[in-house]
Amino acid sequence: MKPFIFLLISSFSFAQNSVEKEVVKPIENLFQAMKSADSIGVKNAFSSSAIMQTFGKNNEIRTEKVEGFAKQVGGSKVGDLDERFTISKVLVDGNMASVWVPYQFYYKGNYSHCGVNSFQLAKLNNEWKIQYIIDTRRKDNCIK
């Protein structure tokens, strides 16, 4: 009986890692699209009703449209936008996921700022898409 339980636990653990890999794929695609100056790749990472927000100066929350962000990315040069990130935490419940992503951002090869991205993803038509992102930005207390 013990080998069967071990096999069952191993299979469940593998399946969970597989789902997490699927969940983070649009996030990885987003950052690759930014680095490649690929506006279509940026748009493809998001759902059609996605919301983008960031904490600005004085902690006000600014909202940006995905279309506008994609246009900015498309207007950059390859390699200008380099967001170096770590997937810190992935939580999944059915067709909803939350991913915590600390990052360091480099612009044209120079360190700019760091922070954390909080992504909410939805599985739509059997594909994970970014539904919501909010991020922090700071220049101090960063790990480079």
C-alpha atoms as a PDB file:
ATOM      1  CA  MET A   1       0.000   0.000   0.000  1.00  0.00           C
ATOM      2  CA  LYS A   2       2.804   2.464   0.755  1.00  0.00           C
ATOM      3  CA  PRO A   3       4.272   2.424  -2.829  1.00  0.00           C
ATOM      4  CA  PHE A   4       0.812   3.239  -4.221  1.00  0.00           C
ATOM      5  CA  ILE A   5       0.429   6.238  -1.885  1.00  0.00           C
ATOM      6  CA  PHE A   6       3.907   7.470  -2.857  1.00  0.00           C
ATOM      7  CA  LEU A   7       3.052   7.185  -6.549  1.00  0.00           C
ATOM      8  CA  LEU A   8      -0.202   9.073  -6.028  1.00  0.00           C
ATOM      9  CA  ILE A   9       1.551  11.886  -4.128  1.00  0.00           C
ATOM     10  CA  SER A  10       4.307  12.099  -6.773  1.00  0.00           C
ATOM     11  CA  SER A  11       1.758  12.348  -9.594  1.00  0.00           C
ATOM     12  CA  PHE A  12      -0.190  15.079  -7.797  1.00  0.00           C
ATOM     13  CA  SER A  13       2.980  17.071  -7.129  1.00  0.00           C
ATOM     14  CA  PHE A  14       4.027  16.840 -10.808  1.00  0.00           C
ATOM     15  CA  ALA A  15       0.581  17.927 -12.018  1.00  0.00           C
ATOM     16  CA  GLN A  16       0.696  20.948  -9.717  1.00  0.00           C
ATOM     17  CA  ASN A  17       4.094  22.034 -11.104  1.00  0.00           C
ATOM     18  CA  SER A  18       2.784  21.604 -14.647  1.00  0.00           C
ATOM     19  CA  VAL A  19      -0.154  23.937 -13.928  1.00  0.00           C
ATOM     20  CA  GLU A  20       2.174  26.507 -12.371  1.00  0.00           C
ATOM     21  CA  LYS A  21       4.345  26.417 -15.505  1.00  0.00           C
ATOM     22  CA  GLU A  22       1.255  27.064 -17.644  1.00  0.00           C
ATOM     23  CA  VAL A  23       0.202  29.940 -15.375  1.00  0.00           C
ATOM     24  CA  VAL A  24       3.550  31.761 -15.519  1.00  0.00           C
ATOM     25  CA  LYS A  25       3.944  31.338 -19.299  1.00  0.00           C
ATOM     26  CA  PRO A  26       2.039  34.561 -20.213  1.00  0.00           C
ATOM     27  CA  ILE A  27       4.140  36.472 -17.650  1.00  0.00           C
ATOM     28  CA  GLU A  28       7.362  35.137 -19.171  1.00  0.00           C
ATOM     29  CA  ASN A  29       5.980  35.917 -22.645  1.00  0.00           C
ATOM     30  CA  LEU A  30       5.155  39.480 -21.557  1.00  0.00           C
ATOM     31  CA  PHE A  31       8.687  40.166 -20.343  1.00  0.00           C
ATOM     32  CA  GLN A  32      10.201  38.581 -23.462  1.00  0.00           C
ATOM     33  CA  ALA A  33       7.908  40.700 -25.657  1.00  0.00           C
ATOM     34  CA  MET A  34       9.020  43.821 -23.781  1.00  0.00           C
ATOM     35  CA  LYS A  35      12.685  42.940 -24.334  1.00  0.00           C
ATOM     36  CA  SER A  36      11.971  42.195 -28.017  1.00  0.00           C
ATOM     37  CA  ALA A  37       9.964  45.426 -28.543  1.00  0.00           C
ATOM     38  CA  ASP A  38       7.065  43.221 -29.643  1.00  0.00           C
ATOM     39  CA  SER A  39       3.748  45.059 -29.177  1.00  0.00           C
ATOM     40  CA  ILE A  40       1.699  42.095 -30.474  1.00  0.00           C
ATOM     41  CA  GLY A  41       3.386  39.778 -27.953  1.00  0.00           C
ATOM     42  CA  VAL A  42       2.505  42.216 -25.176  1.00  0.00           C
ATOM     43  CA  LYS A  43      -1.162  42.321 -26.231  1.00  0.00           C
ATOM     44  CA  ASN A  44      -1.301  38.517 -26.529  1.00  0.00           C
ATOM     45  CA  ALA A  45      -0.224  38.077 -22.889  1.00  0.00           C
ATOM     46  CA  PHE A  46      -3.325  39.918 -21.637  1.00  0.00           C
ATOM     47  CA  SER A  47      -7.049  39.204 -21.724  1.00  0.00           C
ATOM     48  CA  SER A  48      -9.188  41.630 -23.742  1.00  0.00           C
ATOM     49  CA  SER A  49     -10.534  43.210 -20.524  1.00  0.00           C
ATOM     50  CA  ALA A  50      -7.234  43.397 -18.614  1.00  0.00           C
ATOM     51  CA  ILE A  51      -6.399  46.188 -16.190  1.00  0.00           C
ATOM     52  CA  MET A  52      -2.890  47.561 -15.583  1.00  0.00           C
ATOM     53  CA  GLN A  53      -2.106  49.671 -12.527  1.00  0.00           C
ATOM     54  CA  THR A  54       0.986  50.979 -10.778  1.00  0.00           C
ATOM     55  CA  PHE A  55       1.773  52.888  -7.622  1.00  0.00           C
ATOM     56  CA  GLY A  56       3.115  56.264  -8.682  1.00  0.00           C
ATOM     57  CA  LYS A  57       4.775  59.026  -6.708  1.00  0.00           C
ATOM     58  CA  ASN A  58       3.014  59.843  -3.429  1.00  0.00           C
ATOM     59  CA  ASN A  59       1.472  56.340  -3.553  1.00  0.00           C
ATOM     60  CA  GLU A  60      -1.355  57.287  -5.912  1.00  0.00           C
ATOM     61  CA  ILE A  61      -2.528  54.436  -8.138  1.00  0.00           C
ATOM     62  CA  ARG A  62      -2.297  55.084 -11.869  1.00  0.00           C
ATOM     63  CA  THR A  63      -4.198  53.021 -14.415  1.00  0.00           C
ATOM     64  CA  GLU A  64      -2.810  52.368 -17.888  1.00  0.00           C
ATOM     65  CA  LYS A  65      -4.447  50.736 -20.896  1.00  0.00           C
ATOM     66  CA  VAL A  66      -2.823  47.618 -22.337  1.00  0.00           C
ATOM     67  CA  GLU A  67      -3.060  49.165 -25.834  1.00  0.00           C
ATOM     68  CA  GLY A  68      -1.060  52.218 -24.732  1.00  0.00           C
ATOM     69  CA  PHE A  69       1.547  50.094 -22.985  1.00  0.00           C
ATOM     70  CA  ALA A  70       1.886  47.814 -26.028  1.00  0.00           C
ATOM     71  CA  LYS A  71       2.364  50.875 -28.245  1.00  0.00           C
ATOM     72  CA  GLN A  72       5.149  52.153 -25.956  1.00  0.00           C
ATOM     73  CA  VAL A  73       6.841  48.757 -26.066  1.00  0.00           C
ATOM     74  CA  GLY A  74       6.534  48.602 -29.864  1.00  0.00           C
ATOM     75  CA  GLY A  75       8.132  52.045 -30.090  1.00  0.00           C
ATOM     76  CA  SER A  76      11.195  50.979 -28.131  1.00  0.00           C
ATOM     77  CA  LYS A  77      14.291  49.269 -29.518  1.00  0.00           C
ATOM     78  CA  VAL A  78      15.099  45.600 -28.986  1.00  0.00           C
ATOM     79  CA  GLY A  79      16.830  45.234 -25.616  1.00  0.00           C
ATOM     80  CA  ASP A  80      15.784  48.659 -24.271  1.00  0.00           C
ATOM     81  CA  LEU A  81      13.205  47.234 -21.827  1.00  0.00           C
ATOM     82  CA  ASP A  82      14.729  44.500 -19.673  1.00  0.00           C
ATOM     83  CA  GLU A  83      12.660  43.383 -16.685  1.00  0.00           C
ATOM     84  CA  ARG A  84      14.625  40.799 -14.725  1.00  0.00           C
ATOM     85  CA  PHE A  85      12.285  38.865 -12.511  1.00  0.00           C
ATOM     86  CA  THR A  86      11.803  35.980 -10.124  1.00  0.00           C
ATOM     87  CA  ILE A  87       8.595  34.020  -9.750  1.00  0.00           C
ATOM     88  CA  SER A  88       8.182  34.084  -5.994  1.00  0.00           C
ATOM     89  CA  LYS A  89       4.728  32.618  -5.380  1.00  0.00           C
ATOM     90  CA  VAL A  90       2.074  30.972  -7.566  1.00  0.00           C
ATOM     91  CA  LEU A  91      -1.423  30.280  -6.233  1.00  0.00           C
ATOM     92  CA  VAL A  92      -4.027  28.523  -8.382  1.00  0.00           C
ATOM     93  CA  ASP A  93      -7.692  27.765  -7.819  1.00  0.00           C
ATOM     94  CA  GLY A  94      -9.460  26.387 -10.874  1.00  0.00           C
ATOM     95  CA  ASN A  95      -9.399  29.008 -13.642  1.00  0.00           C
ATOM     96  CA  MET A  96      -7.910  31.753 -11.427  1.00  0.00           C
ATOM     97  CA  ALA A  97      -4.286  32.286 -10.431  1.00  0.00           C
ATOM     98  CA  SER A  98      -2.235  34.836  -8.523  1.00  0.00           C
ATOM     99  CA  VAL A  99       1.509  35.274  -9.071  1.00  0.00           C
ATOM    100  CA  TRP A 100       3.920  37.393  -6.992  1.00  0.00           C
ATOM    101  CA  VAL A 101       6.905  38.579  -9.067  1.00  0.00           C
ATOM    102  CA  PRO A 102       9.773  40.676  -7.625  1.00  0.00           C
ATOM    103  CA  TYR A 103      11.749  42.415 -10.385  1.00  0.00           C
ATOM    104  CA  GLN A 104      14.597  44.743 -11.318  1.00  0.00           C
ATOM    105  CA  PHE A 105      14.062  46.934 -14.370  1.00  0.00           C
ATOM    106  CA  TYR A 106      16.829  48.031 -16.737  1.00  0.00           C
ATOM    107  CA  TYR A 107      16.342  50.636 -19.451  1.00  0.00           C
ATOM    108  CA  LYS A 108      18.854  50.660 -22.306  1.00  0.00           C
ATOM    109  CA  GLY A 109      21.190  48.545 -20.170  1.00  0.00           C
ATOM    110  CA  ASN A 110      21.092  50.865 -17.148  1.00  0.00           C
ATOM    111  CA  TYR A 111      19.454  49.997 -13.860  1.00  0.00           C
ATOM    112  CA  SER A 112      16.248  52.017 -13.432  1.00  0.00           C
ATOM    113  CA  HIS A 113      14.184  50.670 -10.522  1.00  0.00           C
ATOM    114  CA  CYS A 114      12.829  47.603  -8.753  1.00  0.00           C
ATOM    115  CA  GLY A 115       9.587  46.472  -7.179  1.00  0.00           C
ATOM    116  CA  VAL A 116       7.006  43.733  -7.198  1.00  0.00           C
ATOM    117  CA  ASN A 117       4.403  42.800  -9.811  1.00  0.00           C
ATOM    118  CA  SER A 118       1.207  41.219  -8.536  1.00  0.00           C
ATOM    119  CA  PHE A 119      -0.474  39.359 -11.394  1.00  0.00           C
ATOM    120  CA  GLN A 120      -3.997  37.954 -11.459  1.00  0.00           C
ATOM    121  CA  LEU A 121      -4.540  35.512 -14.303  1.00  0.00           C
ATOM    122  CA  ALA A 122      -7.621  33.846 -15.743  1.00  0.00           C
ATOM    123  CA  LYS A 123      -7.849  30.692 -17.819  1.00  0.00           C
ATOM    124  CA  LEU A 124      -9.968  31.687 -20.804  1.00  0.00           C
ATOM    125  CA  ASN A 125     -10.663  29.284 -23.683  1.00  0.00           C
ATOM    126  CA  ASN A 126      -8.089  26.863 -22.197  1.00  0.00           C
ATOM    127  CA  GLU A 127      -5.353  29.528 -22.176  1.00  0.00           C
ATOM    128  CA  TRP A 128      -3.969  31.529 -19.250  1.00  0.00           C
ATOM    129  CA  LYS A 129      -4.111  35.312 -19.744  1.00  0.00           C
ATOM    130  CA  ILE A 130      -3.122  38.223 -17.525  1.00  0.00           C
ATOM    131  CA  GLN A 131      -6.336  39.814 -16.259  1.00  0.00           C
ATOM    132  CA  TYR A 132      -4.875  42.287 -13.784  1.00  0.00           C
ATOM    133  CA  ILE A 133      -1.477  43.613 -12.808  1.00  0.00           C
ATOM    134  CA  ILE A 134      -0.495  46.107 -10.148  1.00  0.00           C
ATOM    135  CA  ASP A 135       3.122  46.907  -9.383  1.00  0.00           C
ATOM    136  CA  THR A 136       5.297  48.867  -7.031  1.00  0.00           C
ATOM    137  CA  ARG A 137       8.333  50.863  -8.144  1.00  0.00           C
ATOM    138  CA  ARG A 138      11.235  52.096  -6.069  1.00  0.00           C
ATOM    139  CA  LYS A 139      14.929  52.912  -6.389  1.00  0.00           C
ATOM    140  CA  ASP A 140      16.019  51.967  -2.876  1.00  0.00           C
ATOM    141  CA  ASN A 141      16.154  48.638  -1.021  1.00  0.00           C
ATOM    142  CA  CYS A 142      16.620  46.799  -4.307  1.00  0.00           C
ATOM    143  CA  ILE A 143      18.543  43.621  -4.925  1.00  0.00           C
ATOM    144  CA  LYS A 144      20.563  43.956  -8.120  1.00  0.00           C
END
